[in-house]
Amino acid sequence: MLETPIQTPRCTLAKPTPTDKPALRRLFSNEQAREFLGGTQSDAVIEARCSSVVAATQVYHAVVYAGDTSNFLGLLTLGPYHDREYHEISYEFLPEHWGQGYAEESLKAFLPIAMENLKLMTILAETQLQNTRSIHLLQKLGMKKIRQLKRFGEQQGVYEFVV
């Protein structure tokens, strides 16, 4: 989907390549970043996930860098939701970049392009109710909570973005 990078005032979003694997490993192994994503993972799981992100064709990923630098910020993912009827947007950023607006800025650029390319009218996002920062971000993006459920042993809020 991201054959050409997306530029925002402060970020570059690009299709992941094998050279992004070290940055992805850092993200996927960061305990603070994994707090609301099921906790830490084994090295084998992290390595498999890095390879999957780079090779994905049914799930769309965008690595996010600061400006046009090699300063890795995070990852955006758009793929099938659990019910396979809808698509879900998710995001993971390194903690040192939280609270600086990078996730909001990159998602505001990514969502319209993704929705147009895939002809989507609705995108979902799911987050733990304890993850108040993520909930605040989803609300800033205009997403509305449509239901609550228990998944992965935690209460989750499901949010919807409709064109």
N, C-alpha and C. Protein backbone atom coordinates (compact mmCIF):
# COMPACT_ATOMS: atom_id res chain seq x y z
N MET A 1 0.82 -1.19 0.00
CA MET A 1 0.00 0.00 0.00
C MET A 1 0.86 1.25 0.00
N LEU A 2 1.95 1.27 0.75
CA LEU A 2 2.80 2.45 0.80
C LEU A 2 3.97 2.31 -0.16
N GLU A 3 3.68 2.38 -1.43
CA GLU A 3 4.75 2.26 -2.41
C GLU A 3 5.61 3.51 -2.40
N THR A 4 5.02 4.66 -2.09
CA THR A 4 5.78 5.89 -1.92
C THR A 4 5.57 6.38 -0.49
N PRO A 5 6.61 6.89 0.13
CA PRO A 5 6.48 7.36 1.51
C PRO A 5 5.48 8.50 1.64
N ILE A 6 4.92 8.61 2.83
CA ILE A 6 4.02 9.71 3.17
C ILE A 6 4.81 10.67 4.05
N GLN A 7 4.80 11.94 3.69
CA GLN A 7 5.47 12.96 4.49
C GLN A 7 4.43 13.76 5.25
N THR A 8 4.68 13.98 6.52
CA THR A 8 3.89 14.89 7.33
C THR A 8 4.86 16.00 7.74
N PRO A 9 4.39 17.03 8.42
CA PRO A 9 5.33 18.08 8.83
C PRO A 9 6.53 17.57 9.65
N ARG A 10 6.33 16.49 10.44
CA ARG A 10 7.41 16.02 11.30
C ARG A 10 7.78 14.56 11.11
N CYS A 11 7.08 13.85 10.24
CA CYS A 11 7.29 12.40 10.13
C CYS A 11 7.39 11.95 8.68
N THR A 12 8.04 10.81 8.51
CA THR A 12 8.03 10.08 7.24
C THR A 12 7.48 8.70 7.53
N LEU A 13 6.45 8.30 6.79
CA LEU A 13 5.86 6.97 6.91
C LEU A 13 6.24 6.20 5.67
N ALA A 14 6.77 5.00 5.85
CA ALA A 14 7.24 4.22 4.71
C ALA A 14 6.95 2.75 4.91
N LYS A 15 6.93 2.04 3.79
CA LYS A 15 6.79 0.59 3.81
C LYS A 15 8.02 0.00 4.49
N PRO A 16 7.85 -0.93 5.42
CA PRO A 16 9.00 -1.54 6.10
C PRO A 16 9.88 -2.33 5.14
N THR A 17 11.17 -2.26 5.40
CA THR A 17 12.14 -3.03 4.62
C THR A 17 13.02 -3.81 5.60
N PRO A 18 13.83 -4.73 5.10
CA PRO A 18 14.71 -5.48 6.01
C PRO A 18 15.62 -4.58 6.85
N THR A 19 15.96 -3.41 6.38
CA THR A 19 16.83 -2.52 7.16
C THR A 19 16.11 -1.95 8.40
N ASP A 20 14.78 -2.08 8.45
CA ASP A 20 14.01 -1.62 9.61
C ASP A 20 13.98 -2.64 10.74
N LYS A 21 14.45 -3.86 10.50
CA LYS A 21 14.35 -4.91 11.52
C LYS A 21 14.99 -4.55 12.86
N PRO A 22 16.18 -3.95 12.90
CA PRO A 22 16.74 -3.60 14.22
C PRO A 22 15.83 -2.64 15.01
N ALA A 23 15.26 -1.67 14.33
CA ALA A 23 14.35 -0.73 15.00
C ALA A 23 13.08 -1.43 15.46
N LEU A 24 12.56 -2.32 14.63
CA LEU A 24 11.37 -3.08 15.00
C LEU A 24 11.65 -3.99 16.21
N ARG A 25 12.83 -4.61 16.23
CA ARG A 25 13.21 -5.44 17.38
C ARG A 25 13.21 -4.60 18.67
N ARG A 26 13.77 -3.39 18.58
CA ARG A 26 13.79 -2.50 19.73
C ARG A 26 12.37 -2.18 20.20
N LEU A 27 11.48 -1.93 19.28
CA LEU A 27 10.09 -1.63 19.61
C LEU A 27 9.40 -2.84 20.22
N PHE A 28 9.51 -3.98 19.57
CA PHE A 28 8.80 -5.19 20.01
C PHE A 28 9.34 -5.76 21.32
N SER A 29 10.56 -5.41 21.67
CA SER A 29 11.13 -5.92 22.92
C SER A 29 11.06 -4.90 24.05
N ASN A 30 10.53 -3.72 23.80
CA ASN A 30 10.46 -2.68 24.82
C ASN A 30 9.33 -3.00 25.80
N GLU A 31 9.68 -3.22 27.05
CA GLU A 31 8.68 -3.62 28.06
C GLU A 31 7.60 -2.57 28.25
N GLN A 32 7.97 -1.30 28.25
CA GLN A 32 6.99 -0.25 28.44
C GLN A 32 6.03 -0.18 27.25
N ALA A 33 6.54 -0.33 26.04
CA ALA A 33 5.68 -0.32 24.85
C ALA A 33 4.75 -1.53 24.82
N ARG A 34 5.18 -2.64 25.42
CA ARG A 34 4.39 -3.87 25.41
C ARG A 34 3.40 -3.95 26.58
N GLU A 35 3.40 -2.97 27.47
CA GLU A 35 2.58 -3.02 28.68
C GLU A 35 1.12 -3.34 28.39
N PHE A 36 0.52 -2.70 27.41
CA PHE A 36 -0.89 -2.92 27.10
C PHE A 36 -1.07 -3.82 25.88
N LEU A 37 -0.01 -4.49 25.47
CA LEU A 37 -0.06 -5.35 24.29
C LEU A 37 0.30 -6.79 24.60
N GLY A 38 0.02 -7.20 25.81
CA GLY A 38 0.25 -8.60 26.17
C GLY A 38 1.57 -8.89 26.84
N GLY A 39 2.36 -7.86 27.10
CA GLY A 39 3.62 -8.08 27.81
C GLY A 39 4.76 -8.47 26.90
N THR A 40 5.88 -8.81 27.52
CA THR A 40 7.09 -9.11 26.76
C THR A 40 6.92 -10.42 25.98
N GLN A 41 7.71 -10.53 24.93
CA GLN A 41 7.68 -11.70 24.06
C GLN A 41 9.07 -12.30 23.97
N SER A 42 9.12 -13.56 23.60
CA SER A 42 10.41 -14.24 23.45
C SER A 42 11.16 -13.68 22.24
N ASP A 43 12.47 -13.90 22.21
CA ASP A 43 13.28 -13.47 21.08
C ASP A 43 12.80 -14.10 19.78
N ALA A 44 12.39 -15.36 19.83
CA ALA A 44 11.91 -16.04 18.63
C ALA A 44 10.63 -15.40 18.11
N VAL A 45 9.71 -15.04 19.00
CA VAL A 45 8.46 -14.39 18.59
C VAL A 45 8.76 -13.02 18.00
N ILE A 46 9.67 -12.28 18.63
CA ILE A 46 10.03 -10.95 18.14
C ILE A 46 10.65 -11.05 16.75
N GLU A 47 11.55 -12.00 16.56
CA GLU A 47 12.19 -12.16 15.25
C GLU A 47 11.16 -12.53 14.18
N ALA A 48 10.24 -13.44 14.52
CA ALA A 48 9.20 -13.83 13.57
C ALA A 48 8.30 -12.65 13.23
N ARG A 49 7.99 -11.85 14.24
CA ARG A 49 7.14 -10.69 14.01
C ARG A 49 7.84 -9.65 13.11
N CYS A 50 9.12 -9.43 13.33
CA CYS A 50 9.88 -8.51 12.47
C CYS A 50 9.83 -8.98 11.01
N SER A 51 10.08 -10.25 10.79
CA SER A 51 10.04 -10.80 9.44
C SER A 51 8.66 -10.68 8.83
N SER A 52 7.63 -10.92 9.63
CA SER A 52 6.26 -10.82 9.16
C SER A 52 5.91 -9.39 8.74
N VAL A 53 6.34 -8.42 9.53
CA VAL A 53 6.05 -7.02 9.20
C VAL A 53 6.69 -6.65 7.86
N VAL A 54 7.92 -7.07 7.64
CA VAL A 54 8.63 -6.73 6.41
C VAL A 54 8.02 -7.44 5.20
N ALA A 55 7.56 -8.67 5.37
CA ALA A 55 7.05 -9.47 4.25
C ALA A 55 5.55 -9.36 4.03
N ALA A 56 4.83 -8.70 4.92
CA ALA A 56 3.36 -8.71 4.89
C ALA A 56 2.78 -8.21 3.56
N THR A 57 1.74 -8.90 3.12
CA THR A 57 1.00 -8.45 1.94
C THR A 57 -0.48 -8.26 2.24
N GLN A 58 -1.02 -8.99 3.19
CA GLN A 58 -2.44 -8.86 3.55
C GLN A 58 -2.66 -7.86 4.68
N VAL A 59 -1.59 -7.51 5.37
CA VAL A 59 -1.63 -6.53 6.44
C VAL A 59 -0.71 -5.40 6.01
N TYR A 60 -1.16 -4.18 6.18
CA TYR A 60 -0.38 -3.03 5.74
C TYR A 60 0.33 -2.39 6.93
N HIS A 61 1.62 -2.20 6.79
CA HIS A 61 2.43 -1.61 7.85
C HIS A 61 3.10 -0.34 7.32
N ALA A 62 3.32 0.60 8.23
CA ALA A 62 4.11 1.78 7.91
C ALA A 62 5.05 2.04 9.08
N VAL A 63 6.34 2.05 8.81
CA VAL A 63 7.29 2.47 9.83
C VAL A 63 7.27 3.99 9.84
N VAL A 64 7.43 4.55 11.04
CA VAL A 64 7.37 6.00 11.21
C VAL A 64 8.73 6.49 11.70
N TYR A 65 9.28 7.42 10.97
CA TYR A 65 10.56 8.04 11.31
C TYR A 65 10.35 9.53 11.51
N ALA A 66 11.20 10.14 12.33
CA ALA A 66 11.15 11.58 12.53
C ALA A 66 11.67 12.27 11.28
N GLY A 67 10.85 13.12 10.69
CA GLY A 67 11.25 13.87 9.51
C GLY A 67 11.79 12.97 8.43
N ASP A 68 12.93 13.33 7.89
CA ASP A 68 13.56 12.47 6.88
C ASP A 68 14.84 11.85 7.45
N THR A 69 14.83 11.66 8.76
CA THR A 69 16.00 11.08 9.44
C THR A 69 15.84 9.58 9.63
N SER A 70 16.82 8.97 10.23
CA SER A 70 16.74 7.54 10.55
C SER A 70 16.33 7.35 12.01
N ASN A 71 15.74 8.37 12.64
CA ASN A 71 15.29 8.29 14.03
C ASN A 71 13.92 7.60 14.06
N PHE A 72 13.93 6.30 14.33
CA PHE A 72 12.72 5.48 14.34
C PHE A 72 11.80 5.89 15.49
N LEU A 73 10.53 6.08 15.18
CA LEU A 73 9.53 6.45 16.18
C LEU A 73 8.60 5.30 16.51
N GLY A 74 8.09 4.61 15.46
CA GLY A 74 7.10 3.57 15.73
C GLY A 74 6.60 2.90 14.47
N LEU A 75 5.46 2.22 14.64
CA LEU A 75 4.88 1.40 13.58
C LEU A 75 3.37 1.54 13.58
N LEU A 76 2.80 1.68 12.39
CA LEU A 76 1.35 1.66 12.19
C LEU A 76 1.01 0.37 11.47
N THR A 77 -0.12 -0.22 11.82
CA THR A 77 -0.55 -1.47 11.20
C THR A 77 -2.03 -1.40 10.88
N LEU A 78 -2.41 -1.80 9.68
CA LEU A 78 -3.80 -1.90 9.29
C LEU A 78 -4.02 -3.30 8.75
N GLY A 79 -4.89 -4.04 9.43
CA GLY A 79 -5.15 -5.42 9.01
C GLY A 79 -6.53 -5.84 9.42
N PRO A 80 -6.89 -7.07 9.10
CA PRO A 80 -8.22 -7.57 9.46
C PRO A 80 -8.44 -7.54 10.97
N TYR A 81 -9.61 -7.14 11.36
CA TYR A 81 -10.01 -7.17 12.76
C TYR A 81 -10.32 -8.61 13.13
N HIS A 82 -10.48 -8.88 14.41
CA HIS A 82 -10.72 -10.25 14.90
C HIS A 82 -11.90 -10.91 14.20
N ASP A 83 -12.95 -10.14 13.89
CA ASP A 83 -14.14 -10.72 13.27
C ASP A 83 -13.99 -10.92 11.77
N ARG A 84 -12.89 -10.43 11.20
CA ARG A 84 -12.59 -10.53 9.77
C ARG A 84 -13.57 -9.74 8.89
N GLU A 85 -14.54 -9.06 9.48
CA GLU A 85 -15.49 -8.26 8.72
C GLU A 85 -14.96 -6.84 8.50
N TYR A 86 -14.20 -6.36 9.46
CA TYR A 86 -13.69 -4.99 9.43
C TYR A 86 -12.16 -5.00 9.44
N HIS A 87 -11.58 -3.83 9.24
CA HIS A 87 -10.14 -3.64 9.38
C HIS A 87 -9.88 -2.87 10.67
N GLU A 88 -8.70 -3.14 11.25
CA GLU A 88 -8.32 -2.51 12.50
C GLU A 88 -7.01 -1.75 12.32
N ILE A 89 -6.97 -0.54 12.85
CA ILE A 89 -5.73 0.22 12.89
C ILE A 89 -5.09 0.01 14.26
N SER A 90 -3.80 -0.19 14.26
CA SER A 90 -3.07 -0.26 15.53
C SER A 90 -1.76 0.49 15.37
N TYR A 91 -1.17 0.82 16.48
CA TYR A 91 0.04 1.62 16.47
C TYR A 91 0.88 1.29 17.69
N GLU A 92 2.18 1.34 17.49
CA GLU A 92 3.13 1.11 18.58
C GLU A 92 4.26 2.12 18.38
N PHE A 93 4.56 2.87 19.41
CA PHE A 93 5.64 3.84 19.35
C PHE A 93 6.58 3.61 20.53
N LEU A 94 7.84 3.91 20.33
CA LEU A 94 8.80 3.81 21.42
C LEU A 94 8.43 4.83 22.50
N PRO A 95 8.51 4.46 23.76
CA PRO A 95 8.06 5.33 24.85
C PRO A 95 8.71 6.72 24.87
N GLU A 96 9.95 6.82 24.42
CA GLU A 96 10.59 8.13 24.45
C GLU A 96 9.95 9.13 23.49
N HIS A 97 9.04 8.65 22.64
CA HIS A 97 8.35 9.53 21.70
C HIS A 97 6.87 9.72 22.05
N TRP A 98 6.43 9.15 23.15
CA TRP A 98 5.03 9.31 23.57
C TRP A 98 4.77 10.75 24.00
N GLY A 99 3.53 11.17 23.81
CA GLY A 99 3.11 12.49 24.29
C GLY A 99 3.63 13.65 23.47
N GLN A 100 4.20 13.38 22.30
CA GLN A 100 4.76 14.44 21.46
C GLN A 100 3.95 14.67 20.19
N GLY A 101 2.84 13.93 20.03
CA GLY A 101 1.96 14.13 18.88
C GLY A 101 2.35 13.36 17.63
N TYR A 102 3.41 12.56 17.70
CA TYR A 102 3.82 11.81 16.50
C TYR A 102 2.78 10.78 16.07
N ALA A 103 2.21 10.06 17.01
CA ALA A 103 1.20 9.05 16.65
C ALA A 103 -0.01 9.72 16.01
N GLU A 104 -0.48 10.78 16.60
CA GLU A 104 -1.64 11.49 16.04
C GLU A 104 -1.33 12.00 14.63
N GLU A 105 -0.20 12.64 14.48
CA GLU A 105 0.17 13.19 13.17
C GLU A 105 0.29 12.11 12.11
N SER A 106 0.94 11.01 12.44
CA SER A 106 1.12 9.96 11.45
C SER A 106 -0.19 9.24 11.13
N LEU A 107 -1.03 9.03 12.16
CA LEU A 107 -2.32 8.38 11.91
C LEU A 107 -3.24 9.26 11.08
N LYS A 108 -3.22 10.57 11.31
CA LYS A 108 -4.06 11.49 10.52
C LYS A 108 -3.66 11.47 9.04
N ALA A 109 -2.40 11.22 8.76
CA ALA A 109 -1.95 11.12 7.37
C ALA A 109 -2.23 9.75 6.78
N PHE A 110 -2.04 8.71 7.60
CA PHE A 110 -2.15 7.33 7.14
C PHE A 110 -3.60 6.88 6.92
N LEU A 111 -4.48 7.20 7.86
CA LEU A 111 -5.86 6.69 7.80
C LEU A 111 -6.60 7.06 6.51
N PRO A 112 -6.62 8.31 6.08
CA PRO A 112 -7.36 8.62 4.84
C PRO A 112 -6.81 7.90 3.62
N ILE A 113 -5.50 7.79 3.53
CA ILE A 113 -4.89 7.10 2.39
C ILE A 113 -5.22 5.62 2.43
N ALA A 114 -5.11 5.00 3.60
CA ALA A 114 -5.42 3.58 3.75
C ALA A 114 -6.89 3.32 3.42
N MET A 115 -7.76 4.16 3.94
CA MET A 115 -9.18 3.94 3.70
C MET A 115 -9.52 4.10 2.22
N GLU A 116 -8.92 5.08 1.58
CA GLU A 116 -9.17 5.29 0.14
C GLU A 116 -8.62 4.13 -0.68
N ASN A 117 -7.38 3.74 -0.42
CA ASN A 117 -6.76 2.65 -1.19
C ASN A 117 -7.51 1.34 -1.05
N LEU A 118 -8.02 1.06 0.15
CA LEU A 118 -8.72 -0.20 0.40
C LEU A 118 -10.24 -0.08 0.26
N LYS A 119 -10.70 1.10 -0.10
CA LYS A 119 -12.15 1.36 -0.26
C LYS A 119 -12.91 1.03 1.03
N LEU A 120 -12.39 1.49 2.16
CA LEU A 120 -13.01 1.23 3.46
C LEU A 120 -13.84 2.43 3.90
N MET A 121 -14.98 2.17 4.47
CA MET A 121 -15.81 3.23 5.04
C MET A 121 -15.66 3.28 6.56
N THR A 122 -15.18 2.18 7.14
CA THR A 122 -15.07 2.06 8.59
C THR A 122 -13.76 1.38 8.96
N ILE A 123 -13.12 1.90 10.00
CA ILE A 123 -11.93 1.26 10.58
C ILE A 123 -12.16 1.19 12.08
N LEU A 124 -11.76 0.07 12.66
CA LEU A 124 -11.88 -0.12 14.11
C LEU A 124 -10.50 -0.01 14.76
N ALA A 125 -10.53 0.23 16.05
CA ALA A 125 -9.33 0.17 16.90
C ALA A 125 -9.78 -0.43 18.22
N GLU A 126 -8.93 -1.25 18.81
CA GLU A 126 -9.25 -1.87 20.10
C GLU A 126 -8.09 -1.61 21.04
N THR A 127 -8.43 -1.19 22.25
CA THR A 127 -7.40 -0.92 23.24
C THR A 127 -7.90 -1.26 24.63
N GLN A 128 -6.97 -1.60 25.51
CA GLN A 128 -7.35 -1.88 26.89
C GLN A 128 -7.92 -0.62 27.52
N LEU A 129 -8.95 -0.81 28.34
CA LEU A 129 -9.55 0.34 29.02
C LEU A 129 -8.55 1.02 29.95
N GLN A 130 -7.56 0.30 30.41
CA GLN A 130 -6.52 0.88 31.26
C GLN A 130 -5.58 1.80 30.49
N ASN A 131 -5.56 1.68 29.18
CA ASN A 131 -4.64 2.46 28.34
C ASN A 131 -5.28 3.81 28.01
N THR A 132 -5.31 4.68 28.98
CA THR A 132 -6.00 5.96 28.83
C THR A 132 -5.36 6.86 27.77
N ARG A 133 -4.04 6.75 27.60
CA ARG A 133 -3.38 7.56 26.56
C ARG A 133 -3.85 7.15 25.17
N SER A 134 -3.99 5.87 24.94
CA SER A 134 -4.45 5.38 23.65
C SER A 134 -5.91 5.78 23.43
N ILE A 135 -6.72 5.67 24.45
CA ILE A 135 -8.13 6.06 24.34
C ILE A 135 -8.23 7.54 23.98
N HIS A 136 -7.44 8.37 24.63
CA HIS A 136 -7.43 9.81 24.35
C HIS A 136 -7.04 10.06 22.89
N LEU A 137 -6.04 9.35 22.39
CA LEU A 137 -5.62 9.50 21.00
C LEU A 137 -6.74 9.11 20.04
N LEU A 138 -7.37 7.98 20.30
CA LEU A 138 -8.47 7.54 19.43
C LEU A 138 -9.59 8.57 19.40
N GLN A 139 -9.90 9.14 20.53
CA GLN A 139 -10.94 10.18 20.59
C GLN A 139 -10.51 11.42 19.81
N LYS A 140 -9.24 11.81 19.92
CA LYS A 140 -8.74 12.97 19.16
C LYS A 140 -8.82 12.73 17.66
N LEU A 141 -8.71 11.48 17.25
CA LEU A 141 -8.81 11.13 15.83
C LEU A 141 -10.26 11.09 15.36
N GLY A 142 -11.21 11.26 16.28
CA GLY A 142 -12.62 11.23 15.93
C GLY A 142 -13.26 9.87 16.04
N MET A 143 -12.59 8.93 16.67
CA MET A 143 -13.15 7.60 16.83
C MET A 143 -14.08 7.57 18.04
N LYS A 144 -15.15 6.81 17.92
CA LYS A 144 -16.16 6.69 18.97
C LYS A 144 -16.18 5.27 19.50
N LYS A 145 -16.31 5.15 20.81
CA LYS A 145 -16.40 3.83 21.44
C LYS A 145 -17.75 3.21 21.08
N ILE A 146 -17.71 1.98 20.55
CA ILE A 146 -18.95 1.32 20.15
C ILE A 146 -19.27 0.11 21.01
N ARG A 147 -18.26 -0.43 21.70
CA ARG A 147 -18.54 -1.55 22.60
C ARG A 147 -17.35 -1.81 23.50
N GLN A 148 -17.62 -2.64 24.49
CA GLN A 148 -16.60 -3.06 25.44
C GLN A 148 -16.65 -4.58 25.51
N LEU A 149 -15.50 -5.21 25.63
CA LEU A 149 -15.45 -6.67 25.69
C LEU A 149 -14.22 -7.09 26.46
N LYS A 150 -14.16 -8.37 26.77
CA LYS A 150 -12.97 -8.91 27.43
C LYS A 150 -12.24 -9.78 26.43
N ARG A 151 -10.96 -9.43 26.20
CA ARG A 151 -10.12 -10.19 25.29
C ARG A 151 -8.72 -10.18 25.88
N PHE A 152 -8.00 -11.27 25.73
CA PHE A 152 -6.65 -11.39 26.27
C PHE A 152 -6.63 -11.17 27.78
N GLY A 153 -7.74 -11.52 28.43
CA GLY A 153 -7.83 -11.41 29.89
C GLY A 153 -8.01 -9.99 30.41
N GLU A 154 -8.28 -9.04 29.53
CA GLU A 154 -8.41 -7.63 29.92
C GLU A 154 -9.66 -7.02 29.28
N GLN A 155 -10.22 -6.02 29.96
CA GLN A 155 -11.34 -5.27 29.40
C GLN A 155 -10.82 -4.37 28.28
N GLN A 156 -11.47 -4.44 27.15
CA GLN A 156 -11.07 -3.69 25.96
C GLN A 156 -12.20 -2.77 25.53
N GLY A 157 -11.84 -1.63 24.97
CA GLY A 157 -12.80 -0.76 24.31
C GLY A 157 -12.58 -0.87 22.81
N VAL A 158 -13.66 -0.99 22.07
CA VAL A 158 -13.60 -1.03 20.61
C VAL A 158 -14.08 0.32 20.09
N TYR A 159 -13.27 0.96 19.28
CA TYR A 159 -13.56 2.28 18.75
C TYR A 159 -13.72 2.21 17.24
N GLU A 160 -14.55 3.11 16.72
CA GLU A 160 -14.89 3.08 15.30
C GLU A 160 -14.63 4.45 14.68
N PHE A 161 -14.04 4.42 13.49
CA PHE A 161 -13.84 5.62 12.67
C PHE A 161 -14.62 5.40 11.39
N VAL A 162 -15.53 6.30 11.10
CA VAL A 162 -16.37 6.17 9.90
C VAL A 162 -16.16 7.40 9.03
N VAL A 163 -16.01 7.18 7.73
CA VAL A 163 -15.87 8.30 6.79
C VAL A 163 -17.19 9.02 6.66
